[in-house]
Amino acid sequence: MKRLKKFLGSLLGLYLLIALLMFMLQEKLIFLPTTLPQEYPYTFQQDFEELFLETDDGARLNALHFKTHNPKGLILYFHGNAGDLSRWGNVTSYFNQFDYDVLVMDYRTYGKSTGKLSEKALYKDAQLFYDTAKELYAEQDIVVYGRSLGTTFATYVAAQNQPQRLILETPFYGLETLAKERYWFLPVSGLLRYKFPNWKHAERVSCPITILHGTEDNVVPYSSGKQLYETLPKDQGKLVTISGGAHNNLIDFPAYHEAIRAVLQKD
């Protein structure tokens, strides 16, 4: 009996340790930034301008504005959870070929951006980013695009404003729901400081929504994106299923290019 009690006590101790580590290290699991020196010189083939946005709490957010000749609108791009603008600049300039300018920002702690992370602060930053876009373009000419982690900020600003449309690449239904599926053995609701309820924001979005998701995504399962799609009114949302697509390679599939072309070249 004593051995059993000791064994069960060890199991309980291990369980509590795992729970504590998840609580303490969750930001390192969610956010995977790389940093850049403030004097880092960006180099891209496309014409661009570097911007800095100042927040109410003293954070400084770095952004890039990729420009085209005679643009018909602006794509406001919220990137994924890894890397910085030296990478994402090359990713997002893809959209210039459709005669859209692109504005992309590094989140707090990413690249040259500074500030303390929190869910509330990130949402406020996203709205500041959108307000900056409105200084450049009318809302009816703004397309909001979110990729992976960025889908939560894209969906949030689309719910708070009136953009032309919303495009979501590899979105999740909600981070809490996703974490519960992955860490089913832990009290996720009590431990998780970042909920990111995409489904809740999506309910308030009034513009058309296009979701692109690969069937072989092992980071954000296809089922999570489909679940988000199923919460949308059928005349508002469209789900583009990319057979064989994983989390970071949708651009390698013709179906992705066809879907983006269909949305951005409607004019």
Foldseek 3Di string as FASTA:
>chain_A
DVVVVVVVVVVVVVQVVVLVCCLVCVCVVQAAADEAPPPDDADDPFDKDWDWDADPVGKIKIKIKGADPPAQAEEEEEEGRYYACSVVVVVVCVCVVLRHIYMYIDDDPHYHIHDDDAQVVRLVVLLSSVVVRCVVDPQARYEYEYAEVRLLSSLQVLLVDPHQEYEYELYFQWPLVVVCVVPVVHPSVVRDRGTSRSLVSNVRHDHAYEYEYECAEPPHHPVRSVVSQVSDDPVRYYYQYDYPDYRPCPVVGPSVVVVVCVVSVVD
